[in-house]
Amino acid sequence: MEFLHEGEQIILQDSAKSDYFGKGTLYLTNARIVFEAIVGGLLSKSSEIKIDQGIPTIEAVSSPGGKMLQIQFQGNVEPTMIHVGNPEKWEAAIKSALAARM
């Protein structure tokens, strides 16, 4: 993956949708959480990194109602909401990554 830094490894990745950024792929690495959105029209599509936050910037994570992933990043007033296939799995993985950074 182009966005990975040296020594960085993907822990989890899944198709996702953000009400704000649209469809794309959500990645959890050992250092960051990244949302790569699909942008463009019918004839030309590309990807663009819309969320790129270090694990330490995550203040809270939850999966309310088991329907979406809710992440509170430092400095953001509102939590970031992302629809993923298994939000409970994502919540557990992010909490584990946070604990490993402490």
N, C-alpha and C. Protein backbone atom coordinates (compact mmCIF):
# COMPACT_ATOMS: atom_id res chain seq x y z
N MET A 1 0.85 -1.17 0.00
CA MET A 1 0.00 0.00 0.00
C MET A 1 0.90 1.24 0.00
N GLU A 2 0.52 2.18 -0.79
CA GLU A 2 1.31 3.39 -0.94
C GLU A 2 1.40 4.22 0.34
N PHE A 3 0.39 4.18 1.16
CA PHE A 3 0.36 5.05 2.34
C PHE A 3 1.11 4.49 3.54
N LEU A 4 1.53 3.24 3.48
CA LEU A 4 2.22 2.64 4.63
C LEU A 4 3.60 3.24 4.82
N HIS A 5 3.93 3.49 6.07
CA HIS A 5 5.26 3.97 6.42
C HIS A 5 6.17 2.76 6.63
N GLU A 6 7.46 2.99 6.64
CA GLU A 6 8.41 1.91 6.85
C GLU A 6 8.14 1.24 8.21
N GLY A 7 8.06 -0.08 8.19
CA GLY A 7 7.82 -0.84 9.41
C GLY A 7 6.37 -0.92 9.83
N GLU A 8 5.49 -0.24 9.13
CA GLU A 8 4.06 -0.24 9.47
C GLU A 8 3.39 -1.47 8.86
N GLN A 9 2.48 -2.08 9.61
CA GLN A 9 1.79 -3.27 9.15
C GLN A 9 0.28 -3.10 9.31
N ILE A 10 -0.47 -3.62 8.35
CA ILE A 10 -1.93 -3.57 8.43
C ILE A 10 -2.41 -4.66 9.38
N ILE A 11 -3.21 -4.25 10.36
CA ILE A 11 -3.81 -5.17 11.32
C ILE A 11 -5.17 -5.63 10.81
N LEU A 12 -5.93 -4.68 10.25
CA LEU A 12 -7.30 -4.94 9.82
C LEU A 12 -7.63 -4.03 8.67
N GLN A 13 -8.38 -4.53 7.69
CA GLN A 13 -8.86 -3.68 6.60
C GLN A 13 -10.21 -4.21 6.16
N ASP A 14 -11.10 -3.28 5.75
CA ASP A 14 -12.45 -3.67 5.38
C ASP A 14 -13.08 -2.58 4.52
N SER A 15 -14.00 -2.98 3.67
CA SER A 15 -14.80 -2.00 2.93
C SER A 15 -15.59 -1.21 3.94
N ALA A 16 -15.72 0.08 3.71
CA ALA A 16 -16.40 0.94 4.67
C ALA A 16 -17.12 2.07 3.94
N LYS A 17 -17.97 2.76 4.69
CA LYS A 17 -18.68 3.90 4.14
C LYS A 17 -18.78 4.97 5.22
N SER A 18 -18.47 6.18 4.82
CA SER A 18 -18.61 7.34 5.69
C SER A 18 -19.71 8.21 5.10
N ASP A 19 -20.61 8.70 5.94
CA ASP A 19 -21.65 9.60 5.45
C ASP A 19 -21.05 10.87 4.87
N TYR A 20 -19.87 11.23 5.34
CA TYR A 20 -19.21 12.46 4.91
C TYR A 20 -18.30 12.24 3.69
N PHE A 21 -17.55 11.12 3.68
CA PHE A 21 -16.55 10.90 2.63
C PHE A 21 -16.99 9.90 1.55
N GLY A 22 -18.05 9.15 1.78
CA GLY A 22 -18.50 8.17 0.81
C GLY A 22 -17.90 6.79 1.06
N LYS A 23 -17.85 5.98 0.00
CA LYS A 23 -17.36 4.60 0.11
C LYS A 23 -15.85 4.55 -0.01
N GLY A 24 -15.29 3.52 0.60
CA GLY A 24 -13.84 3.35 0.53
C GLY A 24 -13.40 2.15 1.33
N THR A 25 -12.17 2.22 1.81
CA THR A 25 -11.58 1.14 2.60
C THR A 25 -11.01 1.73 3.88
N LEU A 26 -11.32 1.07 4.98
CA LEU A 26 -10.79 1.48 6.28
C LEU A 26 -9.65 0.54 6.64
N TYR A 27 -8.54 1.13 7.08
CA TYR A 27 -7.36 0.36 7.48
C TYR A 27 -7.01 0.69 8.92
N LEU A 28 -6.64 -0.33 9.66
CA LEU A 28 -6.03 -0.15 10.98
C LEU A 28 -4.64 -0.74 10.87
N THR A 29 -3.63 0.09 11.13
CA THR A 29 -2.26 -0.40 11.14
C THR A 29 -1.77 -0.41 12.58
N ASN A 30 -0.54 -0.83 12.76
CA ASN A 30 0.01 -0.81 14.11
C ASN A 30 0.32 0.61 14.58
N ALA A 31 0.14 1.62 13.71
CA ALA A 31 0.42 3.00 14.08
C ALA A 31 -0.72 3.98 13.81
N ARG A 32 -1.60 3.67 12.86
CA ARG A 32 -2.60 4.65 12.42
C ARG A 32 -3.92 3.99 12.04
N ILE A 33 -4.93 4.85 11.91
CA ILE A 33 -6.18 4.45 11.28
C ILE A 33 -6.34 5.33 10.04
N VAL A 34 -6.64 4.69 8.90
CA VAL A 34 -6.67 5.38 7.62
C VAL A 34 -7.95 5.02 6.88
N PHE A 35 -8.63 6.05 6.34
CA PHE A 35 -9.79 5.82 5.48
C PHE A 35 -9.43 6.32 4.09
N GLU A 36 -9.42 5.39 3.14
CA GLU A 36 -9.11 5.71 1.75
C GLU A 36 -10.42 5.68 0.97
N ALA A 37 -10.88 6.85 0.54
CA ALA A 37 -12.16 6.97 -0.15
C ALA A 37 -11.98 6.80 -1.65
N ILE A 38 -13.01 6.26 -2.30
CA ILE A 38 -13.05 6.17 -3.76
C ILE A 38 -13.70 7.45 -4.26
N VAL A 39 -12.99 8.18 -5.12
CA VAL A 39 -13.51 9.44 -5.65
C VAL A 39 -13.54 9.37 -7.17
N GLY A 40 -14.43 10.16 -7.75
CA GLY A 40 -14.52 10.22 -9.20
C GLY A 40 -15.87 9.77 -9.69
N GLY A 41 -16.01 9.79 -11.00
CA GLY A 41 -17.28 9.45 -11.63
C GLY A 41 -17.25 8.07 -12.26
N LEU A 42 -18.11 7.88 -13.26
CA LEU A 42 -18.23 6.58 -13.91
C LEU A 42 -16.98 6.22 -14.71
N LEU A 43 -16.36 7.19 -15.34
CA LEU A 43 -15.25 6.89 -16.24
C LEU A 43 -13.88 6.88 -15.57
N SER A 44 -13.71 7.68 -14.57
CA SER A 44 -12.40 7.70 -13.91
C SER A 44 -12.58 7.70 -12.39
N LYS A 45 -12.00 6.70 -11.78
CA LYS A 45 -12.07 6.60 -10.32
C LYS A 45 -10.64 6.57 -9.79
N SER A 46 -10.49 7.16 -8.65
CA SER A 46 -9.20 7.12 -7.97
C SER A 46 -9.48 7.04 -6.47
N SER A 47 -8.43 6.95 -5.71
CA SER A 47 -8.59 6.90 -4.27
C SER A 47 -7.89 8.10 -3.65
N GLU A 48 -8.41 8.50 -2.50
CA GLU A 48 -7.87 9.65 -1.79
C GLU A 48 -7.96 9.38 -0.30
N ILE A 49 -6.87 9.64 0.42
CA ILE A 49 -6.85 9.45 1.86
C ILE A 49 -7.65 10.58 2.52
N LYS A 50 -8.71 10.22 3.24
CA LYS A 50 -9.57 11.22 3.88
C LYS A 50 -9.37 11.26 5.40
N ILE A 51 -8.99 10.14 5.98
CA ILE A 51 -8.69 10.10 7.41
C ILE A 51 -7.32 9.45 7.55
N ASP A 52 -6.44 10.09 8.27
CA ASP A 52 -5.11 9.56 8.53
C ASP A 52 -4.72 10.05 9.92
N GLN A 53 -5.04 9.24 10.93
CA GLN A 53 -4.83 9.63 12.32
C GLN A 53 -4.00 8.58 13.04
N GLY A 54 -3.06 9.04 13.82
CA GLY A 54 -2.26 8.13 14.63
C GLY A 54 -3.10 7.50 15.73
N ILE A 55 -2.75 6.29 16.10
CA ILE A 55 -3.47 5.59 17.17
C ILE A 55 -3.56 6.43 18.45
N PRO A 56 -2.49 7.14 18.85
CA PRO A 56 -2.57 7.93 20.10
C PRO A 56 -3.60 9.07 20.06
N THR A 57 -4.07 9.46 18.87
CA THR A 57 -5.05 10.55 18.78
C THR A 57 -6.48 10.06 19.02
N ILE A 58 -6.66 8.75 19.19
CA ILE A 58 -7.99 8.21 19.43
C ILE A 58 -8.30 8.31 20.92
N GLU A 59 -9.35 9.06 21.24
CA GLU A 59 -9.76 9.24 22.64
C GLU A 59 -10.78 8.19 23.08
N ALA A 60 -11.63 7.77 22.15
CA ALA A 60 -12.66 6.79 22.48
C ALA A 60 -13.11 6.09 21.20
N VAL A 61 -13.57 4.86 21.35
CA VAL A 61 -14.11 4.11 20.22
C VAL A 61 -15.26 3.25 20.74
N SER A 62 -16.31 3.14 19.93
CA SER A 62 -17.45 2.31 20.31
C SER A 62 -18.17 1.85 19.05
N SER A 63 -19.06 0.91 19.23
CA SER A 63 -19.90 0.43 18.12
C SER A 63 -21.34 0.42 18.60
N PRO A 64 -21.94 1.62 18.69
CA PRO A 64 -23.30 1.73 19.24
C PRO A 64 -24.31 0.96 18.39
N GLY A 65 -25.01 0.07 19.04
CA GLY A 65 -26.04 -0.70 18.35
C GLY A 65 -25.49 -1.72 17.37
N GLY A 66 -24.19 -1.86 17.30
CA GLY A 66 -23.60 -2.84 16.40
C GLY A 66 -23.77 -2.53 14.93
N LYS A 67 -24.03 -1.26 14.62
CA LYS A 67 -24.28 -0.90 13.22
C LYS A 67 -23.16 -0.08 12.60
N MET A 68 -22.40 0.63 13.42
CA MET A 68 -21.33 1.46 12.88
C MET A 68 -20.25 1.63 13.92
N LEU A 69 -19.11 2.08 13.44
CA LEU A 69 -17.97 2.35 14.29
C LEU A 69 -17.94 3.84 14.58
N GLN A 70 -17.81 4.19 15.84
CA GLN A 70 -17.78 5.59 16.27
C GLN A 70 -16.42 5.84 16.92
N ILE A 71 -15.64 6.78 16.32
CA ILE A 71 -14.30 7.07 16.82
C ILE A 71 -14.21 8.54 17.18
N GLN A 72 -13.76 8.81 18.39
CA GLN A 72 -13.54 10.18 18.84
C GLN A 72 -12.05 10.46 18.78
N PHE A 73 -11.66 11.37 17.85
CA PHE A 73 -10.27 11.77 17.72
C PHE A 73 -10.03 13.04 18.53
N GLN A 74 -8.83 13.21 19.05
CA GLN A 74 -8.45 14.43 19.76
C GLN A 74 -8.68 15.62 18.83
N GLY A 75 -9.23 16.69 19.39
CA GLY A 75 -9.43 17.91 18.63
C GLY A 75 -10.72 17.97 17.84
N ASN A 76 -11.43 16.86 17.71
CA ASN A 76 -12.71 16.86 16.99
C ASN A 76 -13.85 17.00 17.99
N VAL A 77 -14.81 17.85 17.67
CA VAL A 77 -15.97 18.03 18.54
C VAL A 77 -16.91 16.82 18.42
N GLU A 78 -17.15 16.41 17.19
CA GLU A 78 -18.07 15.29 16.93
C GLU A 78 -17.27 14.02 16.64
N PRO A 79 -17.79 12.87 17.03
CA PRO A 79 -17.10 11.62 16.69
C PRO A 79 -17.21 11.33 15.19
N THR A 80 -16.27 10.60 14.67
CA THR A 80 -16.29 10.16 13.27
C THR A 80 -17.07 8.86 13.22
N MET A 81 -18.06 8.79 12.33
CA MET A 81 -18.92 7.62 12.21
C MET A 81 -18.59 6.90 10.89
N ILE A 82 -18.29 5.61 10.98
CA ILE A 82 -17.94 4.83 9.80
C ILE A 82 -18.72 3.52 9.83
N HIS A 83 -19.38 3.22 8.73
CA HIS A 83 -20.11 1.96 8.59
C HIS A 83 -19.14 0.89 8.10
N VAL A 84 -18.97 -0.18 8.87
CA VAL A 84 -18.13 -1.31 8.49
C VAL A 84 -18.92 -2.59 8.74
N GLY A 85 -18.47 -3.68 8.13
CA GLY A 85 -19.19 -4.95 8.23
C GLY A 85 -19.29 -5.51 9.63
N ASN A 86 -18.25 -5.36 10.43
CA ASN A 86 -18.23 -5.92 11.78
C ASN A 86 -17.66 -4.88 12.75
N PRO A 87 -18.47 -3.89 13.15
CA PRO A 87 -17.94 -2.82 13.99
C PRO A 87 -17.40 -3.29 15.34
N GLU A 88 -17.96 -4.36 15.90
CA GLU A 88 -17.48 -4.86 17.18
C GLU A 88 -16.04 -5.36 17.05
N LYS A 89 -15.74 -6.03 15.94
CA LYS A 89 -14.39 -6.51 15.67
C LYS A 89 -13.42 -5.34 15.55
N TRP A 90 -13.84 -4.27 14.87
CA TRP A 90 -13.02 -3.07 14.72
C TRP A 90 -12.79 -2.41 16.07
N GLU A 91 -13.85 -2.30 16.86
CA GLU A 91 -13.73 -1.68 18.19
C GLU A 91 -12.69 -2.44 19.03
N ALA A 92 -12.78 -3.77 19.03
CA ALA A 92 -11.84 -4.59 19.82
C ALA A 92 -10.42 -4.41 19.31
N ALA A 93 -10.24 -4.38 17.99
CA ALA A 93 -8.89 -4.24 17.41
C ALA A 93 -8.29 -2.87 17.71
N ILE A 94 -9.10 -1.83 17.65
CA ILE A 94 -8.61 -0.48 17.95
C ILE A 94 -8.25 -0.35 19.43
N LYS A 95 -9.11 -0.90 20.30
CA LYS A 95 -8.81 -0.87 21.74
C LYS A 95 -7.53 -1.65 22.04
N SER A 96 -7.32 -2.75 21.36
CA SER A 96 -6.10 -3.53 21.54
C SER A 96 -4.87 -2.73 21.07
N ALA A 97 -5.00 -2.03 19.93
CA ALA A 97 -3.91 -1.20 19.42
C ALA A 97 -3.61 -0.05 20.38
N LEU A 98 -4.66 0.52 20.96
CA LEU A 98 -4.47 1.60 21.95
C LEU A 98 -3.73 1.08 23.19
N ALA A 99 -4.13 -0.08 23.66
CA ALA A 99 -3.50 -0.66 24.85
C ALA A 99 -2.03 -1.00 24.58
N ALA A 100 -1.74 -1.43 23.37
CA ALA A 100 -0.36 -1.79 23.02
C ALA A 100 0.54 -0.56 22.95
N ARG A 101 -0.04 0.62 22.71
CA ARG A 101 0.73 1.85 22.61
C ARG A 101 1.01 2.47 23.97
N MET A 102 0.37 1.96 25.02
CA MET A 102 0.54 2.56 26.36
C MET A 102 1.74 1.99 27.06
